[in-house]
Amino acid sequence: PRHISRYVRFDRVRLAEEATTWCDFDPETGDPVTTDRTLLDTAGRQFVVRTDRRCDYARKPLPAGEGTLCGIVEYFNGRYRLRITNHEILFDRQ
């Protein structure tokens, strides 16, 4: 709770999903929808990464491999999550 609204950095993490973009898409309209992804560290601990459908990188590729991700910790509807502030940061492609 003490990290809510704080800028944080997660090192040596990867995104669990095998999705290709930050957001999923509505099958009828093709428009992005707000999407949750799962961030995993080397110990298998998880944290939710939420990407708003209106962000400028909703259609951009999800990073592959392990790296560092930064964002703001939020708490909504009983869940902690990370709002990304830089989607292109320090991911090593594997």
PDB file of N, CA and C in Angstrom:
ATOM      1  N   PRO A   1       0.809  -1.219   0.000  1.00  0.00           N
ATOM      2  CA  PRO A   1       0.000   0.000   0.000  1.00  0.00           C
ATOM      3  C   PRO A   1       0.847   1.276   0.000  1.00  0.00           C
ATOM      4  N   ARG A   2       2.028   1.241   0.603  1.00  0.00           N
ATOM      5  CA  ARG A   2       2.850   2.456   0.675  1.00  0.00           C
ATOM      6  C   ARG A   2       3.372   2.888  -0.689  1.00  0.00           C
ATOM      7  N   HIS A   3       3.286   2.022  -1.691  1.00  0.00           N
ATOM      8  CA  HIS A   3       3.782   2.354  -3.026  1.00  0.00           C
ATOM      9  C   HIS A   3       2.703   2.887  -3.970  1.00  0.00           C
ATOM     10  N   ILE A   4       1.468   2.963  -3.527  1.00  0.00           N
ATOM     11  CA  ILE A   4       0.395   3.475  -4.379  1.00  0.00           C
ATOM     12  C   ILE A   4       0.738   4.905  -4.797  1.00  0.00           C
ATOM     13  N   SER A   5       0.585   5.190  -6.075  1.00  0.00           N
ATOM     14  CA  SER A   5       0.873   6.478  -6.704  1.00  0.00           C
ATOM     15  C   SER A   5       2.363   6.786  -6.786  1.00  0.00           C
ATOM     16  N   ARG A   6       3.192   5.798  -6.564  1.00  0.00           N
ATOM     17  CA  ARG A   6       4.641   5.998  -6.672  1.00  0.00           C
ATOM     18  C   ARG A   6       5.167   5.415  -7.976  1.00  0.00           C
ATOM     19  N   TYR A   7       6.217   6.036  -8.456  1.00  0.00           N
ATOM     20  CA  TYR A   7       6.944   5.542  -9.616  1.00  0.00           C
ATOM     21  C   TYR A   7       7.843   4.407  -9.137  1.00  0.00           C
ATOM     22  N   VAL A   8       7.724   3.244  -9.761  1.00  0.00           N
ATOM     23  CA  VAL A   8       8.518   2.080  -9.371  1.00  0.00           C
ATOM     24  C   VAL A   8       9.211   1.480 -10.586  1.00  0.00           C
ATOM     25  N   ARG A   9      10.189   0.648 -10.303  1.00  0.00           N
ATOM     26  CA  ARG A   9      10.945  -0.017 -11.365  1.00  0.00           C
ATOM     27  C   ARG A   9      11.041  -1.502 -11.028  1.00  0.00           C
ATOM     28  N   PHE A  10      10.678  -2.339 -11.990  1.00  0.00           N
ATOM     29  CA  PHE A  10      10.795  -3.778 -11.838  1.00  0.00           C
ATOM     30  C   PHE A  10      11.921  -4.257 -12.750  1.00  0.00           C
ATOM     31  N   ASP A  11      12.943  -4.884 -12.167  1.00  0.00           N
ATOM     32  CA  ASP A  11      14.071  -5.410 -12.931  1.00  0.00           C
ATOM     33  C   ASP A  11      13.932  -6.924 -13.096  1.00  0.00           C
ATOM     34  N   ARG A  12      14.567  -7.422 -14.156  1.00  0.00           N
ATOM     35  CA  ARG A  12      14.597  -8.864 -14.438  1.00  0.00           C
ATOM     36  C   ARG A  12      13.200  -9.462 -14.441  1.00  0.00           C
ATOM     37  N   VAL A  13      12.317  -8.851 -15.215  1.00  0.00           N
ATOM     38  CA  VAL A  13      10.933  -9.316 -15.344  1.00  0.00           C
ATOM     39  C   VAL A  13      10.635  -9.635 -16.802  1.00  0.00           C
ATOM     40  N   ARG A  14       9.545 -10.350 -16.999  1.00  0.00           N
ATOM     41  CA  ARG A  14       9.056 -10.638 -18.350  1.00  0.00           C
ATOM     42  C   ARG A  14       7.539 -10.631 -18.313  1.00  0.00           C
ATOM     43  N   LEU A  15       6.941 -10.471 -19.475  1.00  0.00           N
ATOM     44  CA  LEU A  15       5.489 -10.521 -19.580  1.00  0.00           C
ATOM     45  C   LEU A  15       5.080 -11.962 -19.863  1.00  0.00           C
ATOM     46  N   ALA A  16       4.124 -12.460 -19.099  1.00  0.00           N
ATOM     47  CA  ALA A  16       3.738 -13.868 -19.167  1.00  0.00           C
ATOM     48  C   ALA A  16       2.956 -14.213 -20.433  1.00  0.00           C
ATOM     49  N   GLU A  17       2.160 -13.291 -20.919  1.00  0.00           N
ATOM     50  CA  GLU A  17       1.297 -13.572 -22.059  1.00  0.00           C
ATOM     51  C   GLU A  17       2.096 -13.730 -23.346  1.00  0.00           C
ATOM     52  N   GLU A  18       1.564 -14.517 -24.236  1.00  0.00           N
ATOM     53  CA  GLU A  18       2.171 -14.671 -25.550  1.00  0.00           C
ATOM     54  C   GLU A  18       1.463 -13.797 -26.579  1.00  0.00           C
ATOM     55  N   ALA A  19       0.809 -12.755 -26.094  1.00  0.00           N
ATOM     56  CA  ALA A  19       0.116 -11.817 -26.978  1.00  0.00           C
ATOM     57  C   ALA A  19       1.144 -11.064 -27.806  1.00  0.00           C
ATOM     58  N   THR A  20       0.690 -10.464 -28.881  1.00  0.00           N
ATOM     59  CA  THR A  20       1.618  -9.755 -29.751  1.00  0.00           C
ATOM     60  C   THR A  20       1.632  -8.245 -29.521  1.00  0.00           C
ATOM     61  N   THR A  21       0.576  -7.699 -28.946  1.00  0.00           N
ATOM     62  CA  THR A  21       0.489  -6.254 -28.726  1.00  0.00           C
ATOM     63  C   THR A  21       0.119  -5.954 -27.273  1.00  0.00           C
ATOM     64  N   TRP A  22       0.316  -4.702 -26.866  1.00  0.00           N
ATOM     65  CA  TRP A  22       0.006  -4.300 -25.495  1.00  0.00           C
ATOM     66  C   TRP A  22      -1.472  -4.462 -25.168  1.00  0.00           C
ATOM     67  N   CYS A  23      -2.352  -4.166 -26.134  1.00  0.00           N
ATOM     68  CA  CYS A  23      -3.793  -4.298 -25.904  1.00  0.00           C
ATOM     69  C   CYS A  23      -4.377  -5.394 -26.785  1.00  0.00           C
ATOM     70  N   ASP A  24      -5.462  -5.989 -26.287  1.00  0.00           N
ATOM     71  CA  ASP A  24      -6.264  -6.888 -27.113  1.00  0.00           C
ATOM     72  C   ASP A  24      -7.211  -6.012 -27.928  1.00  0.00           C
ATOM     73  N   PHE A  25      -7.936  -6.643 -28.859  1.00  0.00           N
ATOM     74  CA  PHE A  25      -8.813  -5.880 -29.750  1.00  0.00           C
ATOM     75  C   PHE A  25     -10.225  -6.440 -29.762  1.00  0.00           C
ATOM     76  N   ASP A  26     -11.184  -5.530 -29.854  1.00  0.00           N
ATOM     77  CA  ASP A  26     -12.585  -5.921 -29.970  1.00  0.00           C
ATOM     78  C   ASP A  26     -12.766  -6.639 -31.295  1.00  0.00           C
ATOM     79  N   PRO A  27     -13.300  -7.871 -31.283  1.00  0.00           N
ATOM     80  CA  PRO A  27     -13.424  -8.634 -32.532  1.00  0.00           C
ATOM     81  C   PRO A  27     -14.396  -8.013 -33.536  1.00  0.00           C
ATOM     82  N   GLU A  28     -15.361  -7.241 -33.059  1.00  0.00           N
ATOM     83  CA  GLU A  28     -16.338  -6.634 -33.969  1.00  0.00           C
ATOM     84  C   GLU A  28     -15.837  -5.343 -34.597  1.00  0.00           C
ATOM     85  N   THR A  29     -15.160  -4.512 -33.792  1.00  0.00           N
ATOM     86  CA  THR A  29     -14.747  -3.202 -34.296  1.00  0.00           C
ATOM     87  C   THR A  29     -13.265  -3.134 -34.675  1.00  0.00           C
ATOM     88  N   GLY A  30     -12.470  -4.030 -34.109  1.00  0.00           N
ATOM     89  CA  GLY A  30     -11.026  -3.983 -34.335  1.00  0.00           C
ATOM     90  C   GLY A  30     -10.327  -2.930 -33.491  1.00  0.00           C
ATOM     91  N   ASP A  31     -11.077  -2.240 -32.627  1.00  0.00           N
ATOM     92  CA  ASP A  31     -10.510  -1.211 -31.763  1.00  0.00           C
ATOM     93  C   ASP A  31      -9.832  -1.848 -30.550  1.00  0.00           C
ATOM     94  N   PRO A  32      -8.772  -1.213 -30.030  1.00  0.00           N
ATOM     95  CA  PRO A  32      -8.138  -1.734 -28.822  1.00  0.00           C
ATOM     96  C   PRO A  32      -9.091  -1.674 -27.629  1.00  0.00           C
ATOM     97  N   VAL A  33      -8.936  -2.620 -26.705  1.00  0.00           N
ATOM     98  CA  VAL A  33      -9.678  -2.616 -25.445  1.00  0.00           C
ATOM     99  C   VAL A  33      -8.661  -2.572 -24.306  1.00  0.00           C
ATOM    100  N   THR A  34      -9.019  -1.920 -23.205  1.00  0.00           N
ATOM    101  CA  THR A  34      -8.136  -1.876 -22.052  1.00  0.00           C
ATOM    102  C   THR A  34      -7.822  -3.303 -21.636  1.00  0.00           C
ATOM    103  N   THR A  35      -6.533  -3.580 -21.435  1.00  0.00           N
ATOM    104  CA  THR A  35      -6.076  -4.959 -21.266  1.00  0.00           C
ATOM    105  C   THR A  35      -5.136  -5.083 -20.081  1.00  0.00           C
ATOM    106  N   ASP A  36      -5.305  -6.170 -19.326  1.00  0.00           N
ATOM    107  CA  ASP A  36      -4.370  -6.507 -18.260  1.00  0.00           C
ATOM    108  C   ASP A  36      -3.407  -7.571 -18.771  1.00  0.00           C
ATOM    109  N   ARG A  37      -2.131  -7.386 -18.471  1.00  0.00           N
ATOM    110  CA  ARG A  37      -1.093  -8.369 -18.756  1.00  0.00           C
ATOM    111  C   ARG A  37      -0.454  -8.747 -17.427  1.00  0.00           C
ATOM    112  N   THR A  38       0.246  -9.865 -17.396  1.00  0.00           N
ATOM    113  CA  THR A  38       0.881 -10.332 -16.167  1.00  0.00           C
ATOM    114  C   THR A  38       2.395 -10.208 -16.269  1.00  0.00           C
ATOM    115  N   LEU A  39       2.973  -9.511 -15.321  1.00  0.00           N
ATOM    116  CA  LEU A  39       4.412  -9.342 -15.223  1.00  0.00           C
ATOM    117  C   LEU A  39       4.938 -10.400 -14.252  1.00  0.00           C
ATOM    118  N   LEU A  40       6.002 -11.114 -14.638  1.00  0.00           N
ATOM    119  CA  LEU A  40       6.597 -12.146 -13.789  1.00  0.00           C
ATOM    120  C   LEU A  40       8.049 -11.811 -13.494  1.00  0.00           C
ATOM    121  N   ASP A  41       8.467 -12.042 -12.239  1.00  0.00           N
ATOM    122  CA  ASP A  41       9.893 -11.892 -11.933  1.00  0.00           C
ATOM    123  C   ASP A  41      10.539 -13.278 -11.945  1.00  0.00           C
ATOM    124  N   THR A  42      11.826 -13.348 -11.654  1.00  0.00           N
ATOM    125  CA  THR A  42      12.552 -14.616 -11.747  1.00  0.00           C
ATOM    126  C   THR A  42      12.098 -15.626 -10.699  1.00  0.00           C
ATOM    127  N   ALA A  43      11.454 -15.179  -9.621  1.00  0.00           N
ATOM    128  CA  ALA A  43      10.933 -16.081  -8.587  1.00  0.00           C
ATOM    129  C   ALA A  43       9.498 -16.516  -8.886  1.00  0.00           C
ATOM    130  N   GLY A  44       8.923 -16.032 -10.001  1.00  0.00           N
ATOM    131  CA  GLY A  44       7.560 -16.395 -10.362  1.00  0.00           C
ATOM    132  C   GLY A  44       6.491 -15.517  -9.741  1.00  0.00           C
ATOM    133  N   ARG A  45       6.907 -14.462  -9.027  1.00  0.00           N
ATOM    134  CA  ARG A  45       5.912 -13.548  -8.457  1.00  0.00           C
ATOM    135  C   ARG A  45       5.266 -12.742  -9.576  1.00  0.00           C
ATOM    136  N   GLN A  46       3.988 -12.419  -9.410  1.00  0.00           N
ATOM    137  CA  GLN A  46       3.218 -11.760 -10.463  1.00  0.00           C
ATOM    138  C   GLN A  46       2.770 -10.365 -10.045  1.00  0.00           C
ATOM    139  N   PHE A  47       2.603  -9.508 -11.063  1.00  0.00           N
ATOM    140  CA  PHE A  47       2.043  -8.183 -10.861  1.00  0.00           C
ATOM    141  C   PHE A  47       1.268  -7.832 -12.124  1.00  0.00           C
ATOM    142  N   VAL A  48       0.118  -7.226 -11.961  1.00  0.00           N
ATOM    143  CA  VAL A  48      -0.730  -6.873 -13.100  1.00  0.00           C
ATOM    144  C   VAL A  48      -0.228  -5.589 -13.759  1.00  0.00           C
ATOM    145  N   VAL A  49      -0.150  -5.615 -15.076  1.00  0.00           N
ATOM    146  CA  VAL A  49       0.188  -4.433 -15.874  1.00  0.00           C
ATOM    147  C   VAL A  49      -1.066  -4.084 -16.667  1.00  0.00           C
ATOM    148  N   ARG A  50      -1.586  -2.894 -16.462  1.00  0.00           N
ATOM    149  CA  ARG A  50      -2.814  -2.475 -17.142  1.00  0.00           C
ATOM    150  C   ARG A  50      -2.478  -1.475 -18.235  1.00  0.00           C
ATOM    151  N   THR A  51      -2.987  -1.748 -19.432  1.00  0.00           N
ATOM    152  CA  THR A  51      -2.766  -0.859 -20.570  1.00  0.00           C
ATOM    153  C   THR A  51      -4.108  -0.315 -21.031  1.00  0.00           C
ATOM    154  N   ASP A  52      -4.254   0.991 -20.969  1.00  0.00           N
ATOM    155  CA  ASP A  52      -5.494   1.647 -21.380  1.00  0.00           C
ATOM    156  C   ASP A  52      -5.628   1.621 -22.899  1.00  0.00           C
ATOM    157  N   ARG A  53      -6.817   1.399 -23.367  1.00  0.00           N
ATOM    158  CA  ARG A  53      -7.085   1.297 -24.813  1.00  0.00           C
ATOM    159  C   ARG A  53      -6.743   2.580 -25.563  1.00  0.00           C
ATOM    160  N   ARG A  54      -6.687   3.703 -24.852  1.00  0.00           N
ATOM    161  CA  ARG A  54      -6.418   4.989 -25.503  1.00  0.00           C
ATOM    162  C   ARG A  54      -4.944   5.375 -25.524  1.00  0.00           C
ATOM    163  N   CYS A  55      -4.075   4.540 -24.940  1.00  0.00           N
ATOM    164  CA  CYS A  55      -2.658   4.917 -24.916  1.00  0.00           C
ATOM    165  C   CYS A  55      -2.078   4.870 -26.324  1.00  0.00           C
ATOM    166  N   ASP A  56      -1.017   5.612 -26.537  1.00  0.00           N
ATOM    167  CA  ASP A  56      -0.443   5.715 -27.879  1.00  0.00           C
ATOM    168  C   ASP A  56       0.314   4.457 -28.323  1.00  0.00           C
ATOM    169  N   TYR A  57       0.528   3.507 -27.426  1.00  0.00           N
ATOM    170  CA  TYR A  57       1.237   2.283 -27.803  1.00  0.00           C
ATOM    171  C   TYR A  57       0.356   1.028 -27.732  1.00  0.00           C
ATOM    172  N   ALA A  58      -0.952   1.190 -27.688  1.00  0.00           N
ATOM    173  CA  ALA A  58      -1.875   0.050 -27.579  1.00  0.00           C
ATOM    174  C   ALA A  58      -1.657  -0.990 -28.676  1.00  0.00           C
ATOM    175  N   ARG A  59      -1.303  -0.550 -29.881  1.00  0.00           N
ATOM    176  CA  ARG A  59      -1.123  -1.457 -31.020  1.00  0.00           C
ATOM    177  C   ARG A  59       0.336  -1.872 -31.231  1.00  0.00           C
ATOM    178  N   LYS A  60       1.229  -1.388 -30.389  1.00  0.00           N
ATOM    179  CA  LYS A  60       2.649  -1.705 -30.559  1.00  0.00           C
ATOM    180  C   LYS A  60       2.971  -3.086 -29.988  1.00  0.00           C
ATOM    181  N   PRO A  61       4.052  -3.700 -30.479  1.00  0.00           N
ATOM    182  CA  PRO A  61       4.405  -5.052 -30.024  1.00  0.00           C
ATOM    183  C   PRO A  61       4.769  -5.105 -28.542  1.00  0.00           C
ATOM    184  N   LEU A  62       4.353  -6.184 -27.918  1.00  0.00           N
ATOM    185  CA  LEU A  62       4.733  -6.463 -26.546  1.00  0.00           C
ATOM    186  C   LEU A  62       6.203  -6.871 -26.537  1.00  0.00           C
ATOM    187  N   PRO A  63       6.999  -6.392 -25.581  1.00  0.00           N
ATOM    188  CA  PRO A  63       8.414  -6.776 -25.567  1.00  0.00           C
ATOM    189  C   PRO A  63       8.586  -8.246 -25.223  1.00  0.00           C
ATOM    190  N   ALA A  64       9.568  -8.871 -25.838  1.00  0.00           N
ATOM    191  CA  ALA A  64       9.883 -10.270 -25.551  1.00  0.00           C
ATOM    192  C   ALA A  64      11.127 -10.325 -24.691  1.00  0.00           C
ATOM    193  N   GLY A  65      11.350 -11.432 -24.038  1.00  0.00           N
ATOM    194  CA  GLY A  65      12.542 -11.605 -23.231  1.00  0.00           C
ATOM    195  C   GLY A  65      12.393 -11.000 -21.853  1.00  0.00           C
ATOM    196  N   GLU A  66      13.525 -10.800 -21.205  1.00  0.00           N
ATOM    197  CA  GLU A  66      13.566 -10.280 -19.846  1.00  0.00           C
ATOM    198  C   GLU A  66      14.097  -8.853 -19.858  1.00  0.00           C
ATOM    199  N   GLY A  67      13.614  -8.049 -18.916  1.00  0.00           N
ATOM    200  CA  GLY A  67      14.095  -6.679 -18.875  1.00  0.00           C
ATOM    201  C   GLY A  67      13.581  -5.916 -17.679  1.00  0.00           C
ATOM    202  N   THR A  68      13.513  -4.608 -17.837  1.00  0.00           N
ATOM    203  CA  THR A  68      13.090  -3.688 -16.793  1.00  0.00           C
ATOM    204  C   THR A  68      11.851  -2.945 -17.268  1.00  0.00           C
ATOM    205  N   LEU A  69      10.896  -2.790 -16.362  1.00  0.00           N
ATOM    206  CA  LEU A  69       9.672  -2.066 -16.689  1.00  0.00           C
ATOM    207  C   LEU A  69       9.400  -1.072 -15.566  1.00  0.00           C
ATOM    208  N   CYS A  70       9.031   0.152 -15.933  1.00  0.00           N
ATOM    209  CA  CYS A  70       8.767   1.212 -14.956  1.00  0.00           C
ATOM    210  C   CYS A  70       7.334   1.693 -15.087  1.00  0.00           C
ATOM    211  N   GLY A  71       6.782   2.155 -13.977  1.00  0.00           N
ATOM    212  CA  GLY A  71       5.435   2.691 -14.019  1.00  0.00           C
ATOM    213  C   GLY A  71       4.980   3.200 -12.667  1.00  0.00           C
ATOM    214  N   ILE A  72       3.700   3.500 -12.587  1.00  0.00           N
ATOM    215  CA  ILE A  72       3.067   4.017 -11.379  1.00  0.00           C
ATOM    216  C   ILE A  72       2.179   2.916 -10.805  1.00  0.00           C
ATOM    217  N   VAL A  73       2.324   2.647  -9.510  1.00  0.00           N
ATOM    218  CA  VAL A  73       1.482   1.653  -8.842  1.00  0.00           C
ATOM    219  C   VAL A  73       0.119   2.268  -8.570  1.00  0.00           C
ATOM    220  N   GLU A  74      -0.916   1.537  -8.964  1.00  0.00           N
ATOM    221  CA  GLU A  74      -2.296   1.965  -8.730  1.00  0.00           C
ATOM    222  C   GLU A  74      -3.027   0.881  -7.945  1.00  0.00           C
ATOM    223  N   TYR A  75      -4.132   1.260  -7.325  1.00  0.00           N
ATOM    224  CA  TYR A  75      -4.980   0.310  -6.609  1.00  0.00           C
ATOM    225  C   TYR A  75      -6.412   0.617  -6.995  1.00  0.00           C
ATOM    226  N   PHE A  76      -7.092  -0.368  -7.580  1.00  0.00           N
ATOM    227  CA  PHE A  76      -8.464  -0.160  -8.030  1.00  0.00           C
ATOM    228  C   PHE A  76      -9.222  -1.464  -7.911  1.00  0.00           C
ATOM    229  N   ASN A  77     -10.415  -1.400  -7.368  1.00  0.00           N
ATOM    230  CA  ASN A  77     -11.295  -2.569  -7.274  1.00  0.00           C
ATOM    231  C   ASN A  77     -10.614  -3.743  -6.564  1.00  0.00           C
ATOM    232  N   GLY A  78      -9.858  -3.440  -5.516  1.00  0.00           N
ATOM    233  CA  GLY A  78      -9.221  -4.487  -4.729  1.00  0.00           C
ATOM    234  C   GLY A  78      -7.970  -5.095  -5.333  1.00  0.00           C
ATOM    235  N   ARG A  79      -7.423  -4.492  -6.384  1.00  0.00           N
ATOM    236  CA  ARG A  79      -6.229  -5.032  -7.044  1.00  0.00           C
ATOM    237  C   ARG A  79      -5.170  -3.963  -7.226  1.00  0.00           C
ATOM    238  N   TYR A  80      -3.933  -4.358  -6.974  1.00  0.00           N
ATOM    239  CA  TYR A  80      -2.791  -3.509  -7.303  1.00  0.00           C
ATOM    240  C   TYR A  80      -2.446  -3.749  -8.760  1.00  0.00           C
ATOM    241  N   ARG A  81      -1.972  -2.702  -9.422  1.00  0.00           N
ATOM    242  CA  ARG A  81      -1.553  -2.858 -10.812  1.00  0.00           C
ATOM    243  C   ARG A  81      -0.559  -1.758 -11.161  1.00  0.00           C
ATOM    244  N   LEU A  82       0.107  -1.960 -12.279  1.00  0.00           N
ATOM    245  CA  LEU A  82       1.121  -1.033 -12.742  1.00  0.00           C
ATOM    246  C   LEU A  82       0.633  -0.327 -13.992  1.00  0.00           C
ATOM    247  N   ARG A  83       0.665   0.993 -13.963  1.00  0.00           N
ATOM    248  CA  ARG A  83       0.378   1.789 -15.156  1.00  0.00           C
ATOM    249  C   ARG A  83       1.725   2.166 -15.759  1.00  0.00           C
ATOM    250  N   ILE A  84       1.983   1.670 -16.947  1.00  0.00           N
ATOM    251  CA  ILE A  84       3.273   1.854 -17.606  1.00  0.00           C
ATOM    252  C   ILE A  84       3.494   3.322 -17.946  1.00  0.00           C
ATOM    253  N   THR A  85       4.713   3.800 -17.690  1.00  0.00           N
ATOM    254  CA  THR A  85       5.063   5.166 -18.053  1.00  0.00           C
ATOM    255  C   THR A  85       6.066   5.204 -19.200  1.00  0.00           C
ATOM    256  N   ASN A  86       6.706   4.084 -19.481  1.00  0.00           N
ATOM    257  CA  ASN A  86       7.606   3.995 -20.634  1.00  0.00           C
ATOM    258  C   ASN A  86       7.583   2.564 -21.138  1.00  0.00           C
ATOM    259  N   HIS A  87       6.876   2.331 -22.230  1.00  0.00           N
ATOM    260  CA  HIS A  87       6.692   0.964 -22.732  1.00  0.00           C
ATOM    261  C   HIS A  87       7.890   0.439 -23.504  1.00  0.00           C
ATOM    262  N   GLU A  88       8.877   1.247 -23.775  1.00  0.00           N
ATOM    263  CA  GLU A  88      10.020   0.825 -24.598  1.00  0.00           C
ATOM    264  C   GLU A  88      11.294   0.660 -23.784  1.00  0.00           C
ATOM    265  N   ILE A  89      11.192   0.431 -22.514  1.00  0.00           N
ATOM    266  CA  ILE A  89      12.376   0.495 -21.666  1.00  0.00           C
ATOM    267  C   ILE A  89      13.074  -0.860 -21.489  1.00  0.00           C
ATOM    268  N   LEU A  90      14.318  -0.940 -21.840  1.00  0.00           N
ATOM    269  CA  LEU A  90      15.261  -1.971 -21.449  1.00  0.00           C
ATOM    270  C   LEU A  90      14.811  -3.422 -21.537  1.00  0.00           C
ATOM    271  N   PHE A  91      14.188  -3.849 -22.607  1.00  0.00           N
ATOM    272  CA  PHE A  91      13.867  -5.262 -22.756  1.00  0.00           C
ATOM    273  C   PHE A  91      14.828  -5.890 -23.750  1.00  0.00           C
ATOM    274  N   ASP A  92      15.426  -7.000 -23.351  1.00  0.00           N
ATOM    275  CA  ASP A  92      16.340  -7.740 -24.204  1.00  0.00           C
ATOM    276  C   ASP A  92      15.528  -8.777 -24.975  1.00  0.00           C
ATOM    277  N   ARG A  93      15.575  -8.719 -26.262  1.00  0.00           N
ATOM    278  CA  ARG A  93      14.863  -9.702 -27.084  1.00  0.00           C
ATOM    279  C   ARG A  93      15.595 -11.030 -27.025  1.00  0.00           C
ATOM    280  N   GLN A  94      14.823 -12.115 -26.886  1.00  0.00           N
ATOM    281  CA  GLN A  94      15.419 -13.455 -26.856  1.00  0.00           C
ATOM    282  C   GLN A  94      14.761 -14.351 -27.862  1.00  0.00           C
TER     283      GLN A  94
END
